[in-house]
C-alpha atoms as a PDB file:
ATOM      1  CA  MET A   1      -2.719 -32.350  -1.344  1.00  0.00           C
ATOM      2  CA  ALA A   2       0.915 -31.739  -0.488  1.00  0.00           C
ATOM      3  CA  GLY A   3       2.865 -29.899  -3.134  1.00  0.00           C
ATOM      4  CA  VAL A   4      -0.194 -28.233  -4.682  1.00  0.00           C
ATOM      5  CA  THR A   5       0.325 -24.531  -5.356  1.00  0.00           C
ATOM      6  CA  PRO A   6      -2.295 -22.515  -3.471  1.00  0.00           C
ATOM      7  CA  VAL A   7      -4.699 -20.417  -5.521  1.00  0.00           C
ATOM      8  CA  ARG A   8      -4.129 -16.717  -4.848  1.00  0.00           C
ATOM      9  CA  ALA A   9      -7.075 -14.350  -4.794  1.00  0.00           C
ATOM     10  CA  ALA A  10      -7.897 -10.867  -3.543  1.00  0.00           C
ATOM     11  CA  GLY A  11     -10.980  -8.901  -2.647  1.00  0.00           C
ATOM     12  CA  GLY A  12     -12.400  -6.224  -0.449  1.00  0.00           C
ATOM     13  CA  VAL A  13     -14.729  -5.123   2.278  1.00  0.00           C
ATOM     14  CA  VAL A  14     -16.221  -2.228   0.343  1.00  0.00           C
ATOM     15  CA  TRP A  15     -18.062   0.399   2.352  1.00  0.00           C
ATOM     16  CA  ARG A  16     -20.080   3.533   1.828  1.00  0.00           C
ATOM     17  CA  HIS A  17     -22.194   5.806   4.006  1.00  0.00           C
ATOM     18  CA  GLY A  18     -25.909   5.120   4.134  1.00  0.00           C
ATOM     19  CA  GLU A  19     -28.718   6.967   5.869  1.00  0.00           C
ATOM     20  CA  ASP A  20     -28.275   4.711   8.911  1.00  0.00           C
ATOM     21  CA  GLY A  21     -24.474   4.577   8.960  1.00  0.00           C
ATOM     22  CA  VAL A  22     -21.824   2.515   7.212  1.00  0.00           C
ATOM     23  CA  ARG A  23     -22.940  -0.197   4.815  1.00  0.00           C
ATOM     24  CA  VAL A  24     -20.786  -2.892   3.225  1.00  0.00           C
ATOM     25  CA  CYS A  25     -21.132  -4.841   0.019  1.00  0.00           C
ATOM     26  CA  VAL A  26     -21.846  -8.576  -0.265  1.00  0.00           C
ATOM     27  CA  VAL A  27     -22.500 -10.550  -3.441  1.00  0.00           C
ATOM     28  CA  HIS A  28     -24.530 -13.657  -4.309  1.00  0.00           C
ATOM     29  CA  ARG A  29     -23.244 -16.403  -6.627  1.00  0.00           C
ATOM     30  CA  PRO A  30     -26.048 -18.606  -7.990  1.00  0.00           C
ATOM     31  CA  ARG A  31     -23.611 -21.355  -8.994  1.00  0.00           C
ATOM     32  CA  TYR A  32     -22.872 -22.023  -5.323  1.00  0.00           C
ATOM     33  CA  ASP A  33     -25.970 -20.309  -3.885  1.00  0.00           C
ATOM     34  CA  ASP A  34     -23.751 -18.446  -1.431  1.00  0.00           C
ATOM     35  CA  TRP A  35     -23.222 -14.941  -0.164  1.00  0.00           C
ATOM     36  CA  SER A  36     -19.664 -13.669   0.149  1.00  0.00           C
ATOM     37  CA  LEU A  37     -17.390 -10.669  -0.016  1.00  0.00           C
ATOM     38  CA  PRO A  38     -16.423  -9.718  -3.591  1.00  0.00           C
ATOM     39  CA  LYS A  39     -13.151 -11.369  -4.547  1.00  0.00           C
ATOM     40  CA  GLY A  40     -11.441 -13.260  -7.351  1.00  0.00           C
ATOM     41  CA  LYS A  41      -8.245 -14.897  -8.573  1.00  0.00           C
ATOM     42  CA  LEU A  42      -5.144 -12.922  -9.449  1.00  0.00           C
ATOM     43  CA  ASP A  43      -4.231 -12.703 -13.105  1.00  0.00           C
ATOM     44  CA  PRO A  44      -0.685 -13.924 -13.915  1.00  0.00           C
ATOM     45  CA  GLY A  45       1.821 -11.411 -12.569  1.00  0.00           C
ATOM     46  CA  GLU A  46      -0.894  -9.210 -11.068  1.00  0.00           C
ATOM     47  CA  HIS A  47      -0.353  -7.401  -7.763  1.00  0.00           C
ATOM     48  CA  PRO A  48      -2.898  -8.461  -5.104  1.00  0.00           C
ATOM     49  CA  LEU A  49      -3.965  -4.866  -4.489  1.00  0.00           C
ATOM     50  CA  THR A  50      -4.643  -4.321  -8.180  1.00  0.00           C
ATOM     51  CA  ALA A  51      -6.575  -7.583  -8.289  1.00  0.00           C
ATOM     52  CA  ALA A  52      -8.648  -6.628  -5.240  1.00  0.00           C
ATOM     53  CA  VAL A  53      -9.751  -3.337  -6.795  1.00  0.00           C
ATOM     54  CA  ARG A  54     -10.400  -4.981 -10.168  1.00  0.00           C
ATOM     55  CA  GLU A  55     -12.442  -7.848  -8.720  1.00  0.00           C
ATOM     56  CA  VAL A  56     -14.597  -5.503  -6.670  1.00  0.00           C
ATOM     57  CA  ALA A  57     -15.364  -3.539  -9.825  1.00  0.00           C
ATOM     58  CA  GLU A  58     -16.089  -6.637 -11.894  1.00  0.00           C
ATOM     59  CA  GLU A  59     -18.266  -8.443  -9.330  1.00  0.00           C
ATOM     60  CA  ALA A  60     -20.006  -5.588  -7.523  1.00  0.00           C
ATOM     61  CA  ASP A  61     -19.927  -2.796 -10.135  1.00  0.00           C
ATOM     62  CA  VAL A  62     -18.093  -0.574  -7.640  1.00  0.00           C
ATOM     63  CA  ARG A  63     -15.116   1.688  -8.150  1.00  0.00           C
ATOM     64  CA  ALA A  64     -13.321   1.673  -4.806  1.00  0.00           C
ATOM     65  CA  VAL A  65     -10.240   3.149  -3.162  1.00  0.00           C
ATOM     66  CA  PRO A  66      -8.180   0.770  -0.981  1.00  0.00           C
ATOM     67  CA  GLN A  67      -7.465   1.882   2.562  1.00  0.00           C
ATOM     68  CA  VAL A  68      -6.242  -0.824   4.974  1.00  0.00           C
ATOM     69  CA  ARG A  69      -4.894  -4.331   4.407  1.00  0.00           C
ATOM     70  CA  LEU A  70      -6.982  -6.780   6.434  1.00  0.00           C
ATOM     71  CA  SER A  71      -5.806 -10.192   7.553  1.00  0.00           C
ATOM     72  CA  PRO A  72      -5.630 -12.745   4.721  1.00  0.00           C
ATOM     73  CA  VAL A  73      -7.750 -15.878   4.911  1.00  0.00           C
ATOM     74  CA  HIS A  74      -6.681 -19.410   4.075  1.00  0.00           C
ATOM     75  CA  TYR A  75      -9.013 -22.284   3.272  1.00  0.00           C
ATOM     76  CA  ARG A  76      -9.515 -25.217   0.920  1.00  0.00           C
ATOM     77  CA  MET A  77     -11.729 -25.019  -2.111  1.00  0.00           C
ATOM     78  CA  ARG A  78     -14.392 -27.647  -2.752  1.00  0.00           C
ATOM     79  CA  ASP A  79     -11.899 -29.782  -4.695  1.00  0.00           C
ATOM     80  CA  GLY A  80      -9.388 -29.581  -1.834  1.00  0.00           C
ATOM     81  CA  THR A  81      -7.044 -27.034  -3.420  1.00  0.00           C
ATOM     82  CA  PRO A  82      -5.677 -24.566  -0.847  1.00  0.00           C
ATOM     83  CA  LYS A  83      -6.603 -20.935  -1.415  1.00  0.00           C
ATOM     84  CA  THR A  84      -5.337 -17.662   0.050  1.00  0.00           C
ATOM     85  CA  VAL A  85      -7.363 -14.473  -0.241  1.00  0.00           C
ATOM     86  CA  GLU A  86      -5.915 -11.052   0.582  1.00  0.00           C
ATOM     87  CA  PHE A  87      -8.528  -8.516   1.664  1.00  0.00           C
ATOM     88  CA  TRP A  88      -8.475  -4.730   1.847  1.00  0.00           C
ATOM     89  CA  SER A  89     -10.980  -2.334   3.296  1.00  0.00           C
ATOM     90  CA  MET A  90     -12.109  -0.038   0.484  1.00  0.00           C
ATOM     91  CA  ARG A  91     -14.197   3.101   0.209  1.00  0.00           C
ATOM     92  CA  ALA A  92     -16.724   3.097  -2.621  1.00  0.00           C
ATOM     93  CA  VAL A  93     -16.322   6.193  -4.796  1.00  0.00           C
ATOM     94  CA  GLY A  94     -18.421   5.354  -7.849  1.00  0.00           C
ATOM     95  CA  SER A  95     -19.896   2.630 -10.007  1.00  0.00           C
ATOM     96  CA  GLY A  96     -18.624   0.756 -13.041  1.00  0.00           C
ATOM     97  CA  GLY A  97     -16.606  -2.225 -14.131  1.00  0.00           C
ATOM     98  CA  PHE A  98     -19.195  -4.990 -13.757  1.00  0.00           C
ATOM     99  CA  GLN A  99     -18.451  -8.121 -15.805  1.00  0.00           C
ATOM    100  CA  PRO A 100     -21.431 -10.433 -16.406  1.00  0.00           C
ATOM    101  CA  ASP A 101     -19.220 -13.551 -16.546  1.00  0.00           C
ATOM    102  CA  THR A 102     -18.317 -13.250 -12.835  1.00  0.00           C
ATOM    103  CA  GLU A 103     -21.378 -15.392 -11.909  1.00  0.00           C
ATOM    104  CA  VAL A 104     -22.716 -12.760  -9.509  1.00  0.00           C
ATOM    105  CA  ASP A 105     -26.448 -12.148  -9.778  1.00  0.00           C
ATOM    106  CA  ASP A 106     -27.176  -9.976  -6.745  1.00  0.00           C
ATOM    107  CA  VAL A 107     -25.401  -7.290  -4.729  1.00  0.00           C
ATOM    108  CA  ARG A 108     -26.539  -6.001  -1.354  1.00  0.00           C
ATOM    109  CA  TRP A 109     -25.363  -3.114   0.827  1.00  0.00           C
ATOM    110  CA  LEU A 110     -25.902  -3.918   4.481  1.00  0.00           C
ATOM    111  CA  PRO A 111     -24.780  -2.749   7.925  1.00  0.00           C
ATOM    112  CA  PRO A 112     -21.758  -4.855   8.913  1.00  0.00           C
ATOM    113  CA  PRO A 113     -23.654  -6.937  11.529  1.00  0.00           C
ATOM    114  CA  GLU A 114     -26.336  -7.839   8.958  1.00  0.00           C
ATOM    115  CA  ALA A 115     -23.687  -8.658   6.375  1.00  0.00           C
ATOM    116  CA  ALA A 116     -21.956 -10.929   8.890  1.00  0.00           C
ATOM    117  CA  ARG A 117     -25.209 -12.812   9.450  1.00  0.00           C
ATOM    118  CA  LEU A 118     -25.819 -13.194   5.715  1.00  0.00           C
ATOM    119  CA  VAL A 119     -22.431 -14.370   4.421  1.00  0.00           C
ATOM    120  CA  SER A 120     -22.044 -18.098   4.008  1.00  0.00           C
ATOM    121  CA  TYR A 121     -18.507 -18.662   5.293  1.00  0.00           C
ATOM    122  CA  PRO A 122     -16.911 -18.160   8.717  1.00  0.00           C
ATOM    123  CA  HIS A 123     -13.779 -16.629   7.203  1.00  0.00           C
ATOM    124  CA  ASP A 124     -15.865 -13.803   5.723  1.00  0.00           C
ATOM    125  CA  VAL A 125     -17.420 -13.235   9.149  1.00  0.00           C
ATOM    126  CA  GLY A 126     -13.924 -12.816  10.574  1.00  0.00           C
ATOM    127  CA  VAL A 127     -12.902 -10.327   7.889  1.00  0.00           C
ATOM    128  CA  LEU A 128     -16.059  -8.294   8.487  1.00  0.00           C
ATOM    129  CA  ALA A 129     -15.380  -8.263  12.232  1.00  0.00           C
ATOM    130  CA  GLU A 130     -11.876  -6.937  11.633  1.00  0.00           C
ATOM    131  CA  PHE A 131     -13.242  -4.234   9.349  1.00  0.00           C
ATOM    132  CA  ALA A 132     -15.918  -3.250  11.893  1.00  0.00           C
ATOM    133  CA  ALA A 133     -13.210  -2.736  14.545  1.00  0.00           C
ATOM    134  CA  LEU A 134     -11.318  -0.239  12.389  1.00  0.00           C
ATOM    135  CA  PRO A 135     -11.494   3.445  13.299  1.00  0.00           C
ATOM    136  CA  PRO A 136     -13.088   5.452  10.470  1.00  0.00           C
ATOM    137  CA  VAL A 137     -10.451   6.216   7.830  1.00  0.00           C
ATOM    138  CA  SER A 138     -10.472   9.791   6.555  1.00  0.00           C
ATOM    139  CA  VAL A 139      -7.470   9.753   4.197  1.00  0.00           C
ATOM    140  CA  VAL A 140      -4.810   7.416   2.810  1.00  0.00           C
ATOM    141  CA  LEU A 141      -1.259   8.462   1.972  1.00  0.00           C
ATOM    142  CA  GLY A 142       1.212   6.501  -0.103  1.00  0.00           C
ATOM    143  CA  LEU A 143       4.811   6.591   1.156  1.00  0.00           C
ATOM    144  CA  VAL A 144       7.452   4.976  -1.057  1.00  0.00           C
ATOM    145  CA  ARG A 145      11.206   4.690  -1.166  1.00  0.00           C
ATOM    146  CA  HIS A 146      12.838   5.705  -4.421  1.00  0.00           C
ATOM    147  CA  ALA A 147      13.495   2.955  -6.979  1.00  0.00           C
ATOM    148  CA  PRO A 148      17.039   1.605  -7.690  1.00  0.00           C
ATOM    149  CA  ALA A 149      19.536   4.184  -8.937  1.00  0.00           C
ATOM    150  CA  GLY A 150      22.675   2.164  -9.513  1.00  0.00           C
ATOM    151  CA  SER A 151      25.750   2.307  -7.317  1.00  0.00           C
ATOM    152  CA  ARG A 152      26.761   5.511  -5.592  1.00  0.00           C
ATOM    153  CA  GLY A 153      30.391   4.507  -6.093  1.00  0.00           C
ATOM    154  CA  THR A 154      30.082   4.447  -9.892  1.00  0.00           C
ATOM    155  CA  TRP A 155      28.395   7.862 -10.131  1.00  0.00           C
ATOM    156  CA  SER A 156      30.841  10.730 -10.551  1.00  0.00           C
ATOM    157  CA  GLY A 157      28.466  13.636 -10.066  1.00  0.00           C
ATOM    158  CA  PRO A 158      26.687  14.956  -6.962  1.00  0.00           C
ATOM    159  CA  ASP A 159      24.741  12.206  -5.245  1.00  0.00           C
ATOM    160  CA  THR A 160      21.547  14.269  -5.364  1.00  0.00           C
ATOM    161  CA  ALA A 161      21.772  14.137  -9.175  1.00  0.00           C
ATOM    162  CA  ARG A 162      22.140  10.344  -9.399  1.00  0.00           C
ATOM    163  CA  PRO A 163      19.350   9.066 -11.702  1.00  0.00           C
ATOM    164  CA  LEU A 164      17.334   5.882 -11.666  1.00  0.00           C
ATOM    165  CA  ASP A 165      18.883   2.980 -13.536  1.00  0.00           C
ATOM    166  CA  ASP A 166      16.951   0.869 -16.047  1.00  0.00           C
ATOM    167  CA  SER A 167      15.490  -1.405 -13.370  1.00  0.00           C
ATOM    168  CA  GLY A 168      14.548   1.644 -11.323  1.00  0.00           C
ATOM    169  CA  LEU A 169      12.723   3.226 -14.233  1.00  0.00           C
ATOM    170  CA  ALA A 170      10.800  -0.023 -14.748  1.00  0.00           C
ATOM    171  CA  GLN A 171       9.887  -0.166 -11.052  1.00  0.00           C
ATOM    172  CA  ALA A 172       8.729   3.448 -11.137  1.00  0.00           C
ATOM    173  CA  ARG A 173       6.352   2.588 -13.985  1.00  0.00           C
ATOM    174  CA  GLU A 174       4.977  -0.371 -12.017  1.00  0.00           C
ATOM    175  CA  LEU A 175       4.525   1.767  -8.916  1.00  0.00           C
ATOM    176  CA  ALA A 176       2.540   4.323 -10.882  1.00  0.00           C
ATOM    177  CA  GLY A 177      -0.294   1.926 -11.646  1.00  0.00           C
ATOM    178  CA  LEU A 178      -0.380   0.694  -8.060  1.00  0.00           C
ATOM    179  CA  LEU A 179      -0.287   4.097  -6.364  1.00  0.00           C
ATOM    180  CA  ALA A 180      -2.902   5.508  -8.737  1.00  0.00           C
ATOM    181  CA  LEU A 181      -5.408   3.189  -7.031  1.00  0.00           C
ATOM    182  CA  ILE A 182      -5.604   5.525  -4.018  1.00  0.00           C
ATOM    183  CA  ARG A 183      -6.453   8.414  -6.372  1.00  0.00           C
ATOM    184  CA  PRO A 184      -3.877  10.886  -5.056  1.00  0.00           C
ATOM    185  CA  VAL A 185      -4.337  14.579  -5.709  1.00  0.00           C
ATOM    186  CA  ARG A 186      -0.847  15.620  -4.545  1.00  0.00           C
ATOM    187  CA  LEU A 187       2.612  14.194  -5.189  1.00  0.00           C
ATOM    188  CA  ARG A 188       5.545  15.158  -2.983  1.00  0.00           C
ATOM    189  CA  SER A 189       9.163  14.121  -3.277  1.00  0.00           C
ATOM    190  CA  ALA A 190      12.439  14.446  -1.479  1.00  0.00           C
ATOM    191  CA  ALA A 191      14.893  16.611  -3.401  1.00  0.00           C
ATOM    192  CA  PRO A 192      17.225  13.974  -4.929  1.00  0.00           C
ATOM    193  CA  ARG A 193      16.679  13.361  -8.626  1.00  0.00           C
ATOM    194  CA  ARG A 194      16.029   9.635  -8.123  1.00  0.00           C
ATOM    195  CA  CYS A 195      13.119  10.434  -5.792  1.00  0.00           C
ATOM    196  CA  VAL A 196      11.492  12.838  -8.229  1.00  0.00           C
ATOM    197  CA  GLN A 197      12.007  10.341 -11.064  1.00  0.00           C
ATOM    198  CA  THR A 198      10.285   7.619  -9.056  1.00  0.00           C
ATOM    199  CA  LEU A 199       7.076   9.683  -9.029  1.00  0.00           C
ATOM    200  CA  GLN A 200       7.350  10.929 -12.604  1.00  0.00           C
ATOM    201  CA  PRO A 201       5.370   8.093 -14.259  1.00  0.00           C
ATOM    202  CA  LEU A 202       2.594   8.603 -11.697  1.00  0.00           C
ATOM    203  CA  ALA A 203       2.685  12.355 -12.313  1.00  0.00           C
ATOM    204  CA  GLU A 204       2.296  11.784 -16.053  1.00  0.00           C
ATOM    205  CA  LEU A 205      -0.491   9.256 -15.530  1.00  0.00           C
ATOM    206  CA  LEU A 206      -2.492  11.616 -13.316  1.00  0.00           C
ATOM    207  CA  ASP A 207      -1.383  14.919 -14.873  1.00  0.00           C
ATOM    208  CA  LEU A 208      -0.104  16.197 -11.516  1.00  0.00           C
ATOM    209  CA  PRO A 209       3.065  18.105 -10.644  1.00  0.00           C
ATOM    210  CA  VAL A 210       5.719  16.622  -8.383  1.00  0.00           C
ATOM    211  CA  GLU A 211       6.287  19.018  -5.478  1.00  0.00           C
ATOM    212  CA  VAL A 212       9.773  18.872  -3.975  1.00  0.00           C
ATOM    213  CA  ASP A 213       9.877  19.015  -0.169  1.00  0.00           C
ATOM    214  CA  SER A 214      13.231  18.757   1.606  1.00  0.00           C
ATOM    215  CA  ALA A 215      11.465  17.563   4.775  1.00  0.00           C
ATOM    216  CA  TYR A 216      11.664  14.079   3.244  1.00  0.00           C
ATOM    217  CA  ASP A 217      15.433  14.254   2.517  1.00  0.00           C
ATOM    218  CA  GLU A 218      17.980  12.151   4.375  1.00  0.00           C
ATOM    219  CA  PRO A 219      19.886  14.018   7.104  1.00  0.00           C
ATOM    220  CA  ARG A 220      22.587  16.315   5.820  1.00  0.00           C
ATOM    221  CA  PRO A 221      26.093  16.049   7.297  1.00  0.00           C
ATOM    222  CA  GLY A 222      25.900  17.497  10.784  1.00  0.00           C
ATOM    223  CA  GLN A 223      22.099  17.512  10.872  1.00  0.00           C
ATOM    224  CA  ASP A 224      20.486  15.908  13.905  1.00  0.00           C
ATOM    225  CA  ALA A 225      18.823  12.606  12.860  1.00  0.00           C
ATOM    226  CA  GLU A 226      16.031  13.030  15.408  1.00  0.00           C
ATOM    227  CA  GLU A 227      15.262  16.493  14.094  1.00  0.00           C
ATOM    228  CA  ASN A 228      15.201  15.102  10.555  1.00  0.00           C
ATOM    229  CA  ALA A 229      12.800  12.294  11.491  1.00  0.00           C
ATOM    230  CA  LEU A 230      10.473  14.687  13.291  1.00  0.00           C
ATOM    231  CA  ALA A 231      10.401  16.975  10.253  1.00  0.00           C
ATOM    232  CA  ALA A 232       9.428  14.105   7.954  1.00  0.00           C
ATOM    233  CA  ALA A 233       6.770  12.841  10.356  1.00  0.00           C
ATOM    234  CA  GLY A 234       5.426  16.374  10.745  1.00  0.00           C
ATOM    235  CA  ALA A 235       5.148  16.750   6.975  1.00  0.00           C
ATOM    236  CA  LEU A 236       3.135  13.513   6.799  1.00  0.00           C
ATOM    237  CA  PHE A 237       0.832  14.722   9.576  1.00  0.00           C
ATOM    238  CA  GLU A 238       0.339  17.963   7.646  1.00  0.00           C
ATOM    239  CA  LEU A 239      -0.771  16.036   4.567  1.00  0.00           C
ATOM    240  CA  ALA A 240      -3.120  13.879   6.661  1.00  0.00           C
ATOM    241  CA  ARG A 241      -4.710  16.932   8.262  1.00  0.00           C
ATOM    242  CA  ALA A 242      -5.357  18.358   4.801  1.00  0.00           C
ATOM    243  CA  GLY A 243      -7.580  15.341   4.186  1.00  0.00           C
ATOM    244  CA  GLU A 244      -6.501  14.803   0.584  1.00  0.00           C
ATOM    245  CA  PRO A 245      -4.904  11.566  -0.647  1.00  0.00           C
ATOM    246  CA  ALA A 246      -1.275  12.043  -1.574  1.00  0.00           C
ATOM    247  CA  VAL A 247       1.856  10.074  -2.465  1.00  0.00           C
ATOM    248  CA  VAL A 248       5.277  10.871  -1.032  1.00  0.00           C
ATOM    249  CA  CYS A 249       8.656   9.565  -2.209  1.00  0.00           C
ATOM    250  CA  SER A 250      11.442   9.608   0.359  1.00  0.00           C
ATOM    251  CA  GLN A 251      14.698   7.804   1.218  1.00  0.00           C
ATOM    252  CA  GLY A 252      15.811   4.713   3.085  1.00  0.00           C
ATOM    253  CA  LYS A 253      17.188   6.511   6.135  1.00  0.00           C
ATOM    254  CA  VAL A 254      14.079   8.648   6.544  1.00  0.00           C
ATOM    255  CA  ILE A 255      11.094   6.312   6.180  1.00  0.00           C
ATOM    256  CA  PRO A 256      11.714   3.936   9.145  1.00  0.00           C
ATOM    257  CA  GLN A 257      12.396   6.756  11.583  1.00  0.00           C
ATOM    258  CA  ALA A 258       9.444   8.865  10.425  1.00  0.00           C
ATOM    259  CA  LEU A 259       7.026   5.936  10.599  1.00  0.00           C
ATOM    260  CA  THR A 260       8.269   4.985  14.056  1.00  0.00           C
ATOM    261  CA  ARG A 261       7.245   8.440  15.224  1.00  0.00           C
ATOM    262  CA  LEU A 262       3.855   8.128  13.555  1.00  0.00           C
ATOM    263  CA  ALA A 263       3.338   4.797  15.317  1.00  0.00           C
ATOM    264  CA  ALA A 264       4.260   6.342  18.663  1.00  0.00           C
ATOM    265  CA  ALA A 265       1.797   9.164  18.066  1.00  0.00           C
ATOM    266  CA  SER A 266      -0.932   6.656  17.214  1.00  0.00           C
ATOM    267  CA  SER A 267      -0.313   4.702  20.406  1.00  0.00           C
ATOM    268  CA  ALA A 268      -0.373   7.840  22.520  1.00  0.00           C
ATOM    269  CA  ARG A 269      -3.748   8.875  21.078  1.00  0.00           C
ATOM    270  CA  SER A 270      -5.451   5.445  21.161  1.00  0.00           C
ATOM    271  CA  ASP A 271      -6.878   5.568  24.680  1.00  0.00           C
ATOM    272  CA  ALA A 272      -8.846   8.746  24.057  1.00  0.00           C
ATOM    273  CA  ASN A 273      -9.756   8.167  20.418  1.00  0.00           C
ATOM    274  CA  GLY A 274     -10.843   4.575  19.982  1.00  0.00           C
ATOM    275  CA  PRO A 275      -9.475   1.017  19.895  1.00  0.00           C
ATOM    276  CA  ALA A 276      -5.785   0.298  20.176  1.00  0.00           C
ATOM    277  CA  VAL A 277      -4.095   0.282  16.806  1.00  0.00           C
ATOM    278  CA  VAL A 278      -1.487  -2.366  16.026  1.00  0.00           C
ATOM    279  CA  LEU A 279       1.449  -0.790  14.191  1.00  0.00           C
ATOM    280  CA  PRO A 280       5.019  -2.057  14.022  1.00  0.00           C
ATOM    281  CA  ALA A 281       6.937  -1.003  17.101  1.00  0.00           C
ATOM    282  CA  SER A 282      10.387  -0.059  15.861  1.00  0.00           C
ATOM    283  CA  ALA A 283      12.338   1.367  12.963  1.00  0.00           C
ATOM    284  CA  ARG A 284      13.500  -2.171  12.168  1.00  0.00           C
ATOM    285  CA  ASP A 285       9.900  -3.123  11.373  1.00  0.00           C
ATOM    286  CA  PHE A 286       9.601  -0.185   8.992  1.00  0.00           C
ATOM    287  CA  ARG A 287      12.654  -0.919   6.866  1.00  0.00           C
ATOM    288  CA  THR A 288      11.562  -0.418   3.271  1.00  0.00           C
ATOM    289  CA  GLY A 289      13.113  -1.815   0.094  1.00  0.00           C
ATOM    290  CA  LYS A 290      13.811   0.387  -2.891  1.00  0.00           C
ATOM    291  CA  GLY A 291      10.864   0.794  -5.192  1.00  0.00           C
ATOM    292  CA  THR A 292       8.241  -0.214  -2.637  1.00  0.00           C
ATOM    293  CA  GLY A 293       6.544   1.363   0.347  1.00  0.00           C
ATOM    294  CA  TRP A 294       3.396   1.743   2.405  1.00  0.00           C
ATOM    295  CA  LEU A 295      -0.205   2.851   2.424  1.00  0.00           C
ATOM    296  CA  LEU A 296      -0.794   4.919   5.561  1.00  0.00           C
ATOM    297  CA  ALA A 297      -4.396   5.230   6.744  1.00  0.00           C
ATOM    298  CA  PHE A 298      -5.368   8.115   9.022  1.00  0.00           C
ATOM    299  CA  SER A 299      -8.447   8.959  11.028  1.00  0.00           C
ATOM    300  CA  GLY A 300      -8.134  12.734  11.112  1.00  0.00           C
ATOM    301  CA  ASP A 301      -4.481  13.193  11.943  1.00  0.00           C
ATOM    302  CA  ARG A 302      -4.284   9.910  13.872  1.00  0.00           C
ATOM    303  CA  PRO A 303      -2.431   7.078  12.089  1.00  0.00           C
ATOM    304  CA  VAL A 304      -4.563   3.931  12.259  1.00  0.00           C
ATOM    305  CA  ALA A 305      -2.809   1.474   9.925  1.00  0.00           C
ATOM    306  CA  ALA A 306       0.378   1.048   7.918  1.00  0.00           C
ATOM    307  CA  SER A 307       0.092  -1.532   5.131  1.00  0.00           C
ATOM    308  CA  ARG A 308       3.136  -2.644   3.151  1.00  0.00           C
ATOM    309  CA  LEU A 309       2.697  -2.518  -0.594  1.00  0.00           C
ATOM    310  CA  ASP A 310       4.816  -5.659  -0.908  1.00  0.00           C
ATOM    311  CA  GLY A 311       2.421  -7.535   1.413  1.00  0.00           C
ATOM    312  CA  ALA A 312       5.130  -8.534   3.884  1.00  0.00           C
ATOM    313  CA  ASP A 313       3.291  -7.167   6.904  1.00  0.00           C
ATOM    314  CA  ARG A 314       0.242  -9.444   7.117  1.00  0.00           C
ATOM    315  CA  LEU A 315      -0.616  -7.813  10.449  1.00  0.00           C
ATOM    316  CA  PRO A 316      -4.198  -7.329  11.631  1.00  0.00           C
ATOM    317  CA  ALA A 317      -4.970  -3.638  11.488  1.00  0.00           C
ATOM    318  CA  VAL A 318      -6.602  -3.393  14.900  1.00  0.00           C
ATOM    319  CA  ALA A 319      -6.140  -5.378  18.096  1.00  0.00           C
ATOM    320  CA  PRO A 320      -9.023  -7.757  18.865  1.00  0.00           C
END
C-alpha cells in the first residue's frame, strides 16, 4: 500500500507497585478478543506524549505520569494500513478518565513477565521487555530551551531583557500543557527574561512560582565554559536528589554541555548500579531547538534516560 499515510498512535507501559513488586497494565478488547498495552490514535494536531497519557486514562482508567520514551513499534493493521505507535513508560498516580467507547472490557495489573505471556502481539512483548530492563525511575525533570525571542540584532535593550516574540509566546503556551503532564512541583529558570517568560504559562497553569537560578545562564564574557556547564549539571543533579519533579528553562549554549556531563556521569555509574544506559554521547546529540527540550529520568541521582520532547531521538532507553 505504497503512498498510504501511516496511522499514528501512542500508548504506555503503565506501572505501579504491588505487594509482590512492580505490576503493569494490560487491557482486553472484546472486538478483537486480544490483550494489549493501552494505546490509541492521535487526535489531529495532538502531541504523541499528550495522546499517550490521554489514551491510558481513557482505556485503563489510570492517571499516569510519563517517564521514559520507549522504542516505537511499526506494523500493519488488519486492513494493511501501516501503523506507528509511540510508547512511554508511565507511573500510575491515580484513577480516572475511562471512556466506555474505547471497546475495552477488562484491565489487569500483572508482573511484567506475566503480562508478556498474556499480550497477543509480539511487538507488545518487545515493549514490555524494554520496560523491564529499565532501572527504577525515581524522578523526572523537564529541561527546555526558551522559546523564540526575535532577533538579537533588532533589540536595542540589554539582551537579558529581550522578550519572547508572538511565536515564542504561542510556543510557551503549548509547552505548558505538555510539561504539566509530569506534574512538576518546582519551576526554575535561567535569568534572561525570555527564559522566565517561557515558563510563565506553566506557572499560571499550576499556580507555582518561577525561581530564577543563574546556574542555568549562558557563560558570561570571560567565564570558563567548562565551569558553566558543570554548574548547570550540578544544579540538575541537585533537583534529582531532591526527588521532586521539576521543569527547568535554560539556553542553547548551556543545555548540550550540561547534558553531556550528565551522560558521562550515567556511564561512569552504570557498572555498579545496574544495566548500561544508552544516552547520546556528545554535545552535538543534545542540540536543542528553541521552544522544545527533554524529559530527564533519574534513578536516585543517576541519569537513566533522556527523551526528546520533539520525538527526534527514537533511541532505546537501555542497551539490550
